Amino acid sequence: MPSMAPTQNNNSGLMGGIAHFPAPEHKETIAPLVLSEAKAAALVNLAPRTLQAKRLDGTGPAFVQLTRRRIGYSLDALRAWVAAQSVKSTTEASVKMEGAA
């Protein structure tokens, strides 16, 4: 019959006596050249439908036609578009919006 006496845990630095798992190896991540429409919309904080509407009316960022039905956006194009949308005052924004209409 096994002894019922308490045993000492030599793993005092471990949580609950559970063995520590080794840290996962860090793999080099490769940034995508083109973001999906959904990821691009999330990145610029727009709904995908808004990004689609801006693409159709020509006011959105430059896009990449990957296939006949698949659209993508380069990170550089998104950054350039956001920079072009930036204004310093509400007056400047109003003038910019009137010019777009």
PDB file of N, CA and C in Angstrom:
ATOM      1  N   MET A   1       0.839  -1.172   0.000  1.00  0.00           N
ATOM      2  CA  MET A   1       0.000   0.000   0.000  1.00  0.00           C
ATOM      3  C   MET A   1       0.889   1.241   0.000  1.00  0.00           C
ATOM      4  N   PRO A   2       0.547   2.226  -0.859  1.00  0.00           N
ATOM      5  CA  PRO A   2       1.385   3.419  -0.935  1.00  0.00           C
ATOM      6  C   PRO A   2       1.295   4.218   0.357  1.00  0.00           C
ATOM      7  N   SER A   3       2.378   4.887   0.639  1.00  0.00           N
ATOM      8  CA  SER A   3       2.438   5.714   1.840  1.00  0.00           C
ATOM      9  C   SER A   3       1.543   6.934   1.682  1.00  0.00           C
ATOM     10  N   MET A   4       0.801   7.288   2.710  1.00  0.00           N
ATOM     11  CA  MET A   4      -0.079   8.456   2.691  1.00  0.00           C
ATOM     12  C   MET A   4       0.614   9.680   3.266  1.00  0.00           C
ATOM     13  N   ALA A   5       1.890   9.530   3.602  1.00  0.00           N
ATOM     14  CA  ALA A   5       2.632  10.654   4.171  1.00  0.00           C
ATOM     15  C   ALA A   5       2.825  11.716   3.096  1.00  0.00           C
ATOM     16  N   PRO A   6       2.717  13.007   3.469  1.00  0.00           N
ATOM     17  CA  PRO A   6       2.912  14.069   2.488  1.00  0.00           C
ATOM     18  C   PRO A   6       4.343  14.054   1.965  1.00  0.00           C
ATOM     19  N   THR A   7       4.472  14.311   0.692  1.00  0.00           N
ATOM     20  CA  THR A   7       5.804  14.365   0.080  1.00  0.00           C
ATOM     21  C   THR A   7       6.182  15.813  -0.117  1.00  0.00           C
ATOM     22  N   GLN A   8       7.460  16.072  -0.066  1.00  0.00           N
ATOM     23  CA  GLN A   8       7.937  17.440  -0.255  1.00  0.00           C
ATOM     24  C   GLN A   8       8.093  17.708  -1.745  1.00  0.00           C
ATOM     25  N   ASN A   9       7.620  18.851  -2.160  1.00  0.00           N
ATOM     26  CA  ASN A   9       7.715  19.245  -3.559  1.00  0.00           C
ATOM     27  C   ASN A   9       9.025  19.986  -3.765  1.00  0.00           C
ATOM     28  N   ASN A  10       9.908  19.401  -4.540  1.00  0.00           N
ATOM     29  CA  ASN A  10      11.197  20.040  -4.808  1.00  0.00           C
ATOM     30  C   ASN A  10      11.077  21.141  -5.858  1.00  0.00           C
ATOM     31  N   ASN A  11       9.931  21.281  -6.459  1.00  0.00           N
ATOM     32  CA  ASN A  11       9.712  22.295  -7.492  1.00  0.00           C
ATOM     33  C   ASN A  11       9.050  23.521  -6.874  1.00  0.00           C
ATOM     34  N   SER A  12       9.665  24.095  -5.839  1.00  0.00           N
ATOM     35  CA  SER A  12       9.041  25.188  -5.105  1.00  0.00           C
ATOM     36  C   SER A  12       8.844  26.430  -5.957  1.00  0.00           C
ATOM     37  N   GLY A  13       9.625  26.616  -7.000  1.00  0.00           N
ATOM     38  CA  GLY A  13       9.486  27.805  -7.838  1.00  0.00           C
ATOM     39  C   GLY A  13       8.436  27.660  -8.920  1.00  0.00           C
ATOM     40  N   LEU A  14       7.791  26.505  -8.989  1.00  0.00           N
ATOM     41  CA  LEU A  14       6.811  26.269 -10.043  1.00  0.00           C
ATOM     42  C   LEU A  14       5.411  26.434  -9.501  1.00  0.00           C
ATOM     43  N   MET A  15       4.517  26.901 -10.341  1.00  0.00           N
ATOM     44  CA  MET A  15       3.132  27.096  -9.931  1.00  0.00           C
ATOM     45  C   MET A  15       2.456  25.750  -9.741  1.00  0.00           C
ATOM     46  N   GLY A  16       1.967  25.492  -8.538  1.00  0.00           N
ATOM     47  CA  GLY A  16       1.206  24.284  -8.276  1.00  0.00           C
ATOM     48  C   GLY A  16       1.973  23.000  -8.506  1.00  0.00           C
ATOM     49  N   GLY A  17       3.279  23.076  -8.603  1.00  0.00           N
ATOM     50  CA  GLY A  17       4.078  21.885  -8.792  1.00  0.00           C
ATOM     51  C   GLY A  17       4.038  21.344 -10.214  1.00  0.00           C
ATOM     52  N   ILE A  18       3.443  22.104 -11.154  1.00  0.00           N
ATOM     53  CA  ILE A  18       3.378  21.658 -12.547  1.00  0.00           C
ATOM     54  C   ILE A  18       4.673  22.042 -13.232  1.00  0.00           C
ATOM     55  N   ALA A  19       5.232  21.104 -13.962  1.00  0.00           N
ATOM     56  CA  ALA A  19       6.490  21.375 -14.648  1.00  0.00           C
ATOM     57  C   ALA A  19       6.318  22.522 -15.637  1.00  0.00           C
ATOM     58  N   HIS A  20       7.309  23.344 -15.738  1.00  0.00           N
ATOM     59  CA  HIS A  20       7.302  24.489 -16.650  1.00  0.00           C
ATOM     60  C   HIS A  20       7.551  24.004 -18.075  1.00  0.00           C
ATOM     61  N   PHE A  21       6.731  24.458 -18.979  1.00  0.00           N
ATOM     62  CA  PHE A  21       6.934  24.105 -20.379  1.00  0.00           C
ATOM     63  C   PHE A  21       7.937  25.067 -20.980  1.00  0.00           C
ATOM     64  N   PRO A  22       8.803  24.591 -21.854  1.00  0.00           N
ATOM     65  CA  PRO A  22       9.787  25.498 -22.459  1.00  0.00           C
ATOM     66  C   PRO A  22       9.087  26.528 -23.337  1.00  0.00           C
ATOM     67  N   ALA A  23       9.686  27.697 -23.398  1.00  0.00           N
ATOM     68  CA  ALA A  23       9.121  28.765 -24.233  1.00  0.00           C
ATOM     69  C   ALA A  23       9.155  28.330 -25.693  1.00  0.00           C
ATOM     70  N   PRO A  24       8.133  28.689 -26.452  1.00  0.00           N
ATOM     71  CA  PRO A  24       8.144  28.317 -27.873  1.00  0.00           C
ATOM     72  C   PRO A  24       9.281  29.017 -28.590  1.00  0.00           C
ATOM     73  N   GLU A  25       9.814  28.331 -29.572  1.00  0.00           N
ATOM     74  CA  GLU A  25      10.893  28.929 -30.353  1.00  0.00           C
ATOM     75  C   GLU A  25      10.333  30.082 -31.166  1.00  0.00           C
ATOM     76  N   HIS A  26      11.090  31.156 -31.225  1.00  0.00           N
ATOM     77  CA  HIS A  26      10.650  32.322 -31.985  1.00  0.00           C
ATOM     78  C   HIS A  26      11.026  32.121 -33.443  1.00  0.00           C
ATOM     79  N   LYS A  27      10.012  32.120 -34.269  1.00  0.00           N
ATOM     80  CA  LYS A  27      10.247  31.993 -35.698  1.00  0.00           C
ATOM     81  C   LYS A  27      10.176  33.375 -36.313  1.00  0.00           C
ATOM     82  N   GLU A  28      10.974  33.590 -37.306  1.00  0.00           N
ATOM     83  CA  GLU A  28      10.964  34.880 -37.987  1.00  0.00           C
ATOM     84  C   GLU A  28       9.633  35.036 -38.711  1.00  0.00           C
ATOM     85  N   THR A  29       8.970  36.138 -38.465  1.00  0.00           N
ATOM     86  CA  THR A  29       7.700  36.381 -39.133  1.00  0.00           C
ATOM     87  C   THR A  29       7.932  37.227 -40.370  1.00  0.00           C
ATOM     88  N   ILE A  30       7.209  36.906 -41.397  1.00  0.00           N
ATOM     89  CA  ILE A  30       7.313  37.632 -42.654  1.00  0.00           C
ATOM     90  C   ILE A  30       6.042  38.439 -42.823  1.00  0.00           C
ATOM     91  N   ALA A  31       6.204  39.740 -42.983  1.00  0.00           N
ATOM     92  CA  ALA A  31       5.045  40.613 -43.173  1.00  0.00           C
ATOM     93  C   ALA A  31       4.459  40.360 -44.562  1.00  0.00           C
ATOM     94  N   PRO A  32       3.146  40.298 -44.647  1.00  0.00           N
ATOM     95  CA  PRO A  32       2.529  40.065 -45.959  1.00  0.00           C
ATOM     96  C   PRO A  32       2.718  41.279 -46.873  1.00  0.00           C
ATOM     97  N   LEU A  33       2.855  41.024 -48.153  1.00  0.00           N
ATOM     98  CA  LEU A  33       2.963  42.111 -49.132  1.00  0.00           C
ATOM     99  C   LEU A  33       1.617  42.783 -49.336  1.00  0.00           C
ATOM    100  N   VAL A  34       0.559  41.979 -49.254  1.00  0.00           N
ATOM    101  CA  VAL A  34      -0.787  42.487 -49.514  1.00  0.00           C
ATOM    102  C   VAL A  34      -1.706  42.027 -48.378  1.00  0.00           C
ATOM    103  N   LEU A  35      -2.517  42.969 -47.883  1.00  0.00           N
ATOM    104  CA  LEU A  35      -3.496  42.655 -46.844  1.00  0.00           C
ATOM    105  C   LEU A  35      -4.848  42.386 -47.483  1.00  0.00           C
ATOM    106  N   SER A  36      -5.612  41.513 -46.880  1.00  0.00           N
ATOM    107  CA  SER A  36      -6.969  41.259 -47.358  1.00  0.00           C
ATOM    108  C   SER A  36      -7.815  42.509 -47.149  1.00  0.00           C
ATOM    109  N   GLU A  37      -8.940  42.556 -47.828  1.00  0.00           N
ATOM    110  CA  GLU A  37      -9.834  43.693 -47.688  1.00  0.00           C
ATOM    111  C   GLU A  37     -10.294  43.860 -46.237  1.00  0.00           C
ATOM    112  N   ALA A  38     -10.622  42.764 -45.582  1.00  0.00           N
ATOM    113  CA  ALA A  38     -11.083  42.817 -44.191  1.00  0.00           C
ATOM    114  C   ALA A  38      -9.983  43.325 -43.263  1.00  0.00           C
ATOM    115  N   LYS A  39      -8.761  42.839 -43.440  1.00  0.00           N
ATOM    116  CA  LYS A  39      -7.652  43.282 -42.586  1.00  0.00           C
ATOM    117  C   LYS A  39      -7.293  44.732 -42.862  1.00  0.00           C
ATOM    118  N   ALA A  40      -7.333  45.131 -44.124  1.00  0.00           N
ATOM    119  CA  ALA A  40      -7.044  46.525 -44.468  1.00  0.00           C
ATOM    120  C   ALA A  40      -8.084  47.450 -43.847  1.00  0.00           C
ATOM    121  N   ALA A  41      -9.355  47.067 -43.930  1.00  0.00           N
ATOM    122  CA  ALA A  41     -10.429  47.879 -43.348  1.00  0.00           C
ATOM    123  C   ALA A  41     -10.234  48.007 -41.838  1.00  0.00           C
ATOM    124  N   ALA A  42      -9.902  46.911 -41.188  1.00  0.00           N
ATOM    125  CA  ALA A  42      -9.676  46.941 -39.744  1.00  0.00           C
ATOM    126  C   ALA A  42      -8.484  47.827 -39.402  1.00  0.00           C
ATOM    127  N   LEU A  43      -7.458  47.786 -40.228  1.00  0.00           N
ATOM    128  CA  LEU A  43      -6.251  48.559 -39.979  1.00  0.00           C
ATOM    129  C   LEU A  43      -6.515  50.060 -40.044  1.00  0.00           C
ATOM    130  N   VAL A  44      -7.382  50.491 -40.945  1.00  0.00           N
ATOM    131  CA  VAL A  44      -7.695  51.921 -41.057  1.00  0.00           C
ATOM    132  C   VAL A  44      -8.985  52.274 -40.318  1.00  0.00           C
ATOM    133  N   ASN A  45      -9.496  51.319 -39.549  1.00  0.00           N
ATOM    134  CA  ASN A  45     -10.669  51.520 -38.697  1.00  0.00           C
ATOM    135  C   ASN A  45     -11.926  51.895 -39.494  1.00  0.00           C
ATOM    136  N   LEU A  46     -12.138  51.201 -40.593  1.00  0.00           N
ATOM    137  CA  LEU A  46     -13.345  51.365 -41.408  1.00  0.00           C
ATOM    138  C   LEU A  46     -14.030  50.012 -41.546  1.00  0.00           C
ATOM    139  N   ALA A  47     -15.317  50.040 -41.819  1.00  0.00           N
ATOM    140  CA  ALA A  47     -16.027  48.814 -42.142  1.00  0.00           C
ATOM    141  C   ALA A  47     -15.609  48.365 -43.544  1.00  0.00           C
ATOM    142  N   PRO A  48     -15.549  47.075 -43.797  1.00  0.00           N
ATOM    143  CA  PRO A  48     -15.201  46.616 -45.144  1.00  0.00           C
ATOM    144  C   PRO A  48     -16.111  47.211 -46.221  1.00  0.00           C
ATOM    145  N   ARG A  49     -17.397  47.377 -45.933  1.00  0.00           N
ATOM    146  CA  ARG A  49     -18.320  47.973 -46.908  1.00  0.00           C
ATOM    147  C   ARG A  49     -17.949  49.429 -47.213  1.00  0.00           C
ATOM    148  N   THR A  50     -17.492  50.162 -46.214  1.00  0.00           N
ATOM    149  CA  THR A  50     -17.064  51.548 -46.440  1.00  0.00           C
ATOM    150  C   THR A  50     -15.836  51.572 -47.332  1.00  0.00           C
ATOM    151  N   LEU A  51     -14.900  50.667 -47.084  1.00  0.00           N
ATOM    152  CA  LEU A  51     -13.700  50.589 -47.920  1.00  0.00           C
ATOM    153  C   LEU A  51     -14.081  50.214 -49.351  1.00  0.00           C
ATOM    154  N   GLN A  52     -15.051  49.317 -49.508  1.00  0.00           N
ATOM    155  CA  GLN A  52     -15.536  48.960 -50.853  1.00  0.00           C
ATOM    156  C   GLN A  52     -16.144  50.169 -51.545  1.00  0.00           C
ATOM    157  N   ALA A  53     -16.958  50.927 -50.827  1.00  0.00           N
ATOM    158  CA  ALA A  53     -17.595  52.112 -51.413  1.00  0.00           C
ATOM    159  C   ALA A  53     -16.548  53.136 -51.832  1.00  0.00           C
ATOM    160  N   LYS A  54     -15.525  53.312 -51.018  1.00  0.00           N
ATOM    161  CA  LYS A  54     -14.463  54.256 -51.352  1.00  0.00           C
ATOM    162  C   LYS A  54     -13.667  53.770 -52.563  1.00  0.00           C
ATOM    163  N   ARG A  55     -13.507  52.476 -52.696  1.00  0.00           N
ATOM    164  CA  ARG A  55     -12.822  51.927 -53.874  1.00  0.00           C
ATOM    165  C   ARG A  55     -13.655  52.187 -55.123  1.00  0.00           C
ATOM    166  N   LEU A  56     -14.970  52.014 -55.016  1.00  0.00           N
ATOM    167  CA  LEU A  56     -15.848  52.205 -56.173  1.00  0.00           C
ATOM    168  C   LEU A  56     -15.928  53.658 -56.615  1.00  0.00           C
ATOM    169  N   ASP A  57     -15.929  54.589 -55.641  1.00  0.00           N
ATOM    170  CA  ASP A  57     -16.032  55.998 -56.042  1.00  0.00           C
ATOM    171  C   ASP A  57     -14.672  56.675 -56.238  1.00  0.00           C
ATOM    172  N   GLY A  58     -13.592  55.924 -56.045  1.00  0.00           N
ATOM    173  CA  GLY A  58     -12.255  56.452 -56.317  1.00  0.00           C
ATOM    174  C   GLY A  58     -11.649  57.272 -55.194  1.00  0.00           C
ATOM    175  N   THR A  59     -12.255  57.290 -54.013  1.00  0.00           N
ATOM    176  CA  THR A  59     -11.718  58.084 -52.909  1.00  0.00           C
ATOM    177  C   THR A  59     -10.924  57.242 -51.909  1.00  0.00           C
ATOM    178  N   GLY A  60     -10.826  55.952 -52.134  1.00  0.00           N
ATOM    179  CA  GLY A  60     -10.126  55.067 -51.207  1.00  0.00           C
ATOM    180  C   GLY A  60      -8.665  54.892 -51.573  1.00  0.00           C
ATOM    181  N   PRO A  61      -7.974  54.078 -50.801  1.00  0.00           N
ATOM    182  CA  PRO A  61      -6.559  53.805 -51.092  1.00  0.00           C
ATOM    183  C   PRO A  61      -6.399  52.972 -52.357  1.00  0.00           C
ATOM    184  N   ALA A  62      -5.216  53.062 -52.936  1.00  0.00           N
ATOM    185  CA  ALA A  62      -4.903  52.238 -54.105  1.00  0.00           C
ATOM    186  C   ALA A  62      -5.010  50.770 -53.706  1.00  0.00           C
ATOM    187  N   PHE A  63      -5.524  49.963 -54.607  1.00  0.00           N
ATOM    188  CA  PHE A  63      -5.718  48.544 -54.295  1.00  0.00           C
ATOM    189  C   PHE A  63      -5.032  47.669 -55.324  1.00  0.00           C
ATOM    190  N   VAL A  64      -4.940  46.402 -54.995  1.00  0.00           N
ATOM    191  CA  VAL A  64      -4.321  45.404 -55.868  1.00  0.00           C
ATOM    192  C   VAL A  64      -5.400  44.409 -56.264  1.00  0.00           C
ATOM    193  N   GLN A  65      -5.558  44.187 -57.556  1.00  0.00           N
ATOM    194  CA  GLN A  65      -6.511  43.190 -58.055  1.00  0.00           C
ATOM    195  C   GLN A  65      -5.749  41.871 -58.127  1.00  0.00           C
ATOM    196  N   LEU A  66      -5.920  41.041 -57.106  1.00  0.00           N
ATOM    197  CA  LEU A  66      -5.173  39.788 -57.017  1.00  0.00           C
ATOM    198  C   LEU A  66      -5.708  38.744 -57.994  1.00  0.00           C
ATOM    199  N   THR A  67      -7.010  38.626 -58.035  1.00  0.00           N
ATOM    200  CA  THR A  67      -7.677  37.756 -59.008  1.00  0.00           C
ATOM    201  C   THR A  67      -8.901  38.526 -59.492  1.00  0.00           C
ATOM    202  N   ARG A  68      -9.701  37.878 -60.290  1.00  0.00           N
ATOM    203  CA  ARG A  68     -10.900  38.551 -60.783  1.00  0.00           C
ATOM    204  C   ARG A  68     -11.846  38.968 -59.658  1.00  0.00           C
ATOM    205  N   ARG A  69     -11.848  38.192 -58.570  1.00  0.00           N
ATOM    206  CA  ARG A  69     -12.778  38.464 -57.469  1.00  0.00           C
ATOM    207  C   ARG A  69     -12.099  38.862 -56.163  1.00  0.00           C
ATOM    208  N   ARG A  70     -10.777  38.848 -56.113  1.00  0.00           N
ATOM    209  CA  ARG A  70     -10.081  39.112 -54.840  1.00  0.00           C
ATOM    210  C   ARG A  70      -9.293  40.416 -54.919  1.00  0.00           C
ATOM    211  N   ILE A  71      -9.553  41.274 -53.924  1.00  0.00           N
ATOM    212  CA  ILE A  71      -8.901  42.578 -53.829  1.00  0.00           C
ATOM    213  C   ILE A  71      -7.986  42.568 -52.613  1.00  0.00           C
ATOM    214  N   GLY A  72      -6.869  43.271 -52.719  1.00  0.00           N
ATOM    215  CA  GLY A  72      -5.965  43.424 -51.590  1.00  0.00           C
ATOM    216  C   GLY A  72      -5.431  44.844 -51.541  1.00  0.00           C
ATOM    217  N   TYR A  73      -4.784  45.158 -50.453  1.00  0.00           N
ATOM    218  CA  TYR A  73      -4.206  46.486 -50.256  1.00  0.00           C
ATOM    219  C   TYR A  73      -2.788  46.342 -49.720  1.00  0.00           C
ATOM    220  N   SER A  74      -1.850  47.093 -50.291  1.00  0.00           N
ATOM    221  CA  SER A  74      -0.493  47.075 -49.744  1.00  0.00           C
ATOM    222  C   SER A  74      -0.448  47.992 -48.538  1.00  0.00           C
ATOM    223  N   LEU A  75       0.413  47.661 -47.609  1.00  0.00           N
ATOM    224  CA  LEU A  75       0.555  48.473 -46.407  1.00  0.00           C
ATOM    225  C   LEU A  75       1.024  49.879 -46.769  1.00  0.00           C
ATOM    226  N   ASP A  76       1.902  49.984 -47.759  1.00  0.00           N
ATOM    227  CA  ASP A  76       2.389  51.295 -48.190  1.00  0.00           C
ATOM    228  C   ASP A  76       1.254  52.147 -48.754  1.00  0.00           C
ATOM    229  N   ALA A  77       0.352  51.532 -49.529  1.00  0.00           N
ATOM    230  CA  ALA A  77      -0.776  52.272 -50.102  1.00  0.00           C
ATOM    231  C   ALA A  77      -1.716  52.756 -49.001  1.00  0.00           C
ATOM    232  N   LEU A  78      -1.933  51.916 -47.992  1.00  0.00           N
ATOM    233  CA  LEU A  78      -2.793  52.317 -46.873  1.00  0.00           C
ATOM    234  C   LEU A  78      -2.168  53.467 -46.090  1.00  0.00           C
ATOM    235  N   ARG A  79      -0.871  53.380 -45.851  1.00  0.00           N
ATOM    236  CA  ARG A  79      -0.183  54.465 -45.127  1.00  0.00           C
ATOM    237  C   ARG A  79      -0.243  55.770 -45.909  1.00  0.00           C
ATOM    238  N   ALA A  80      -0.011  55.695 -47.211  1.00  0.00           N
ATOM    239  CA  ALA A  80      -0.050  56.895 -48.044  1.00  0.00           C
ATOM    240  C   ALA A  80      -1.448  57.502 -48.055  1.00  0.00           C
ATOM    241  N   TRP A  81      -2.471  56.659 -48.145  1.00  0.00           N
ATOM    242  CA  TRP A  81      -3.849  57.146 -48.165  1.00  0.00           C
ATOM    243  C   TRP A  81      -4.213  57.819 -46.847  1.00  0.00           C
ATOM    244  N   VAL A  82      -3.834  57.195 -45.730  1.00  0.00           N
ATOM    245  CA  VAL A  82      -4.114  57.785 -44.421  1.00  0.00           C
ATOM    246  C   VAL A  82      -3.391  59.129 -44.291  1.00  0.00           C
ATOM    247  N   ALA A  83      -2.143  59.191 -44.743  1.00  0.00           N
ATOM    248  CA  ALA A  83      -1.392  60.448 -44.684  1.00  0.00           C
ATOM    249  C   ALA A  83      -2.073  61.526 -45.524  1.00  0.00           C
ATOM    250  N   ALA A  84      -2.607  61.149 -46.676  1.00  0.00           N
ATOM    251  CA  ALA A  84      -3.287  62.114 -47.550  1.00  0.00           C
ATOM    252  C   ALA A  84      -4.601  62.599 -46.945  1.00  0.00           C
ATOM    253  N   GLN A  85      -5.203  61.794 -46.067  1.00  0.00           N
ATOM    254  CA  GLN A  85      -6.457  62.180 -45.421  1.00  0.00           C
ATOM    255  C   GLN A  85      -6.231  63.072 -44.208  1.00  0.00           C
ATOM    256  N   SER A  86      -5.001  63.145 -43.753  1.00  0.00           N
ATOM    257  CA  SER A  86      -4.697  63.886 -42.530  1.00  0.00           C
ATOM    258  C   SER A  86      -4.820  65.392 -42.756  1.00  0.00           C
ATOM    259  N   VAL A  87      -5.434  66.064 -41.789  1.00  0.00           N
ATOM    260  CA  VAL A  87      -5.599  67.520 -41.825  1.00  0.00           C
ATOM    261  C   VAL A  87      -5.215  68.079 -40.458  1.00  0.00           C
ATOM    262  N   LYS A  88      -4.989  69.396 -40.405  1.00  0.00           N
ATOM    263  CA  LYS A  88      -4.567  70.019 -39.157  1.00  0.00           C
ATOM    264  C   LYS A  88      -5.682  70.785 -38.458  1.00  0.00           C
ATOM    265  N   SER A  89      -6.775  71.044 -39.155  1.00  0.00           N
ATOM    266  CA  SER A  89      -7.869  71.779 -38.522  1.00  0.00           C
ATOM    267  C   SER A  89      -9.198  71.336 -39.114  1.00  0.00           C
ATOM    268  N   THR A  90     -10.278  71.638 -38.424  1.00  0.00           N
ATOM    269  CA  THR A  90     -11.605  71.293 -38.939  1.00  0.00           C
ATOM    270  C   THR A  90     -11.939  72.114 -40.179  1.00  0.00           C
ATOM    271  N   THR A  91     -11.401  73.328 -40.264  1.00  0.00           N
ATOM    272  CA  THR A  91     -11.615  74.154 -41.459  1.00  0.00           C
ATOM    273  C   THR A  91     -10.990  73.484 -42.675  1.00  0.00           C
ATOM    274  N   GLU A  92      -9.780  72.998 -42.504  1.00  0.00           N
ATOM    275  CA  GLU A  92      -9.085  72.306 -43.590  1.00  0.00           C
ATOM    276  C   GLU A  92      -9.835  71.040 -43.975  1.00  0.00           C
ATOM    277  N   ALA A  93     -10.388  70.345 -42.999  1.00  0.00           N
ATOM    278  CA  ALA A  93     -11.173  69.133 -43.279  1.00  0.00           C
ATOM    279  C   ALA A  93     -12.431  69.463 -44.049  1.00  0.00           C
ATOM    280  N   SER A  94     -13.107  70.552 -43.673  1.00  0.00           N
ATOM    281  CA  SER A  94     -14.337  70.962 -44.369  1.00  0.00           C
ATOM    282  C   SER A  94     -14.057  71.295 -45.816  1.00  0.00           C
ATOM    283  N   VAL A  95     -12.972  72.029 -46.064  1.00  0.00           N
ATOM    284  CA  VAL A  95     -12.609  72.398 -47.441  1.00  0.00           C
ATOM    285  C   VAL A  95     -12.271  71.146 -48.237  1.00  0.00           C
ATOM    286  N   LYS A  96     -11.564  70.211 -47.609  1.00  0.00           N
ATOM    287  CA  LYS A  96     -11.182  68.973 -48.280  1.00  0.00           C
ATOM    288  C   LYS A  96     -12.427  68.154 -48.654  1.00  0.00           C
ATOM    289  N   MET A  97     -13.402  68.071 -47.746  1.00  0.00           N
ATOM    290  CA  MET A  97     -14.611  67.305 -48.005  1.00  0.00           C
ATOM    291  C   MET A  97     -15.477  67.965 -49.078  1.00  0.00           C
ATOM    292  N   GLU A  98     -15.522  69.288 -49.102  1.00  0.00           N
ATOM    293  CA  GLU A  98     -16.294  69.991 -50.141  1.00  0.00           C
ATOM    294  C   GLU A  98     -15.679  69.756 -51.513  1.00  0.00           C
ATOM    295  N   GLY A  99     -14.361  69.678 -51.559  1.00  0.00           N
ATOM    296  CA  GLY A  99     -13.671  69.427 -52.831  1.00  0.00           C
ATOM    297  C   GLY A  99     -13.888  68.014 -53.327  1.00  0.00           C
ATOM    298  N   ALA A 100     -14.142  67.095 -52.425  1.00  0.00           N
ATOM    299  CA  ALA A 100     -14.358  65.685 -52.815  1.00  0.00           C
ATOM    300  C   ALA A 100     -15.753  65.446 -53.332  1.00  0.00           C
ATOM    301  N   ALA A 101     -16.688  66.292 -52.982  1.00  0.00           N
ATOM    302  CA  ALA A 101     -18.092  66.082 -53.381  1.00  0.00           C
ATOM    303  C   ALA A 101     -18.359  66.471 -54.810  1.00  0.00           C
TER     304      ALA A 101
END
